[in-house]
């Protein structure tokens, strides 16, 4: 059986080069940069290096430029809303024309990836569907939970809300290697649990949509702390160390051992 590492540290004399993509607050990107700096302080070096930050927003609502400025990192933005508006297209429609437009939008980022010799793309709150390859994403749900039909149960923008409505007693975050679907790529890592804590019975919450949404938002905020912010930088660190690999069927391996439902520390 032949395994292919996502990044082979033994074949590179330099740290793995990471491009950080974000759309809004960028808290996951901040934690990634902090992890790099911590490793340098503790070990004298980091196995990965955040080379630049890219955002799909230029409307002042993304904190990417501030994060880049504070950390001395190059910053680029290309507003996807303007891009689609000028072409008379809707971002939500991914038919043939929509996919072609998205590839055209991604072509600028692709040139940056090539120019800066990037090894992987870290999607830290990047809210656009992306056609580029080599991306790591973090999702606020345990993607190993599936429906009776074998499909992932908690995908999309409302994963935390859906999990609470379904009666899950704990929540987890997942990192994944993206493919052309929505939250469908191979699972890399799954976080520890966050207990669901409801101040009133779920049945009563279901009668008040606003309160239910607030509860979901509060849980998602706490899940970032115990989930996203831990496993997102950790996954990238382990990739940079050459620990993650795929076999020919895209099964995920860590240190040569298969982890079909995500690695858990």
Foldseek 3Di string as FASTA:
>chain_A
DDWFALDDLVVDPAAAEEEEEAEAALPLVVLLQVVQVVCCVVPVGANYDHAAYEYQQDPPRHCRVVSCVVVVHHYYYHHVVVLCVVVVHDQVDCDPVNVVSQVVVCVVVVVVCVVVVHSAYEYRHHPHQHADFRYKYKAWFQQLDADPVRHRDQFDDCRLLSCVLVPDQWGKMWMFGDDNDTPPGQTAAIFDIDGQDDPDDPVVVVVPVVSSVVSSVVVSVVNCVRHSSPVSSVSVRQSSVRQWIADPVRFIGGNNHTDRSHDYD
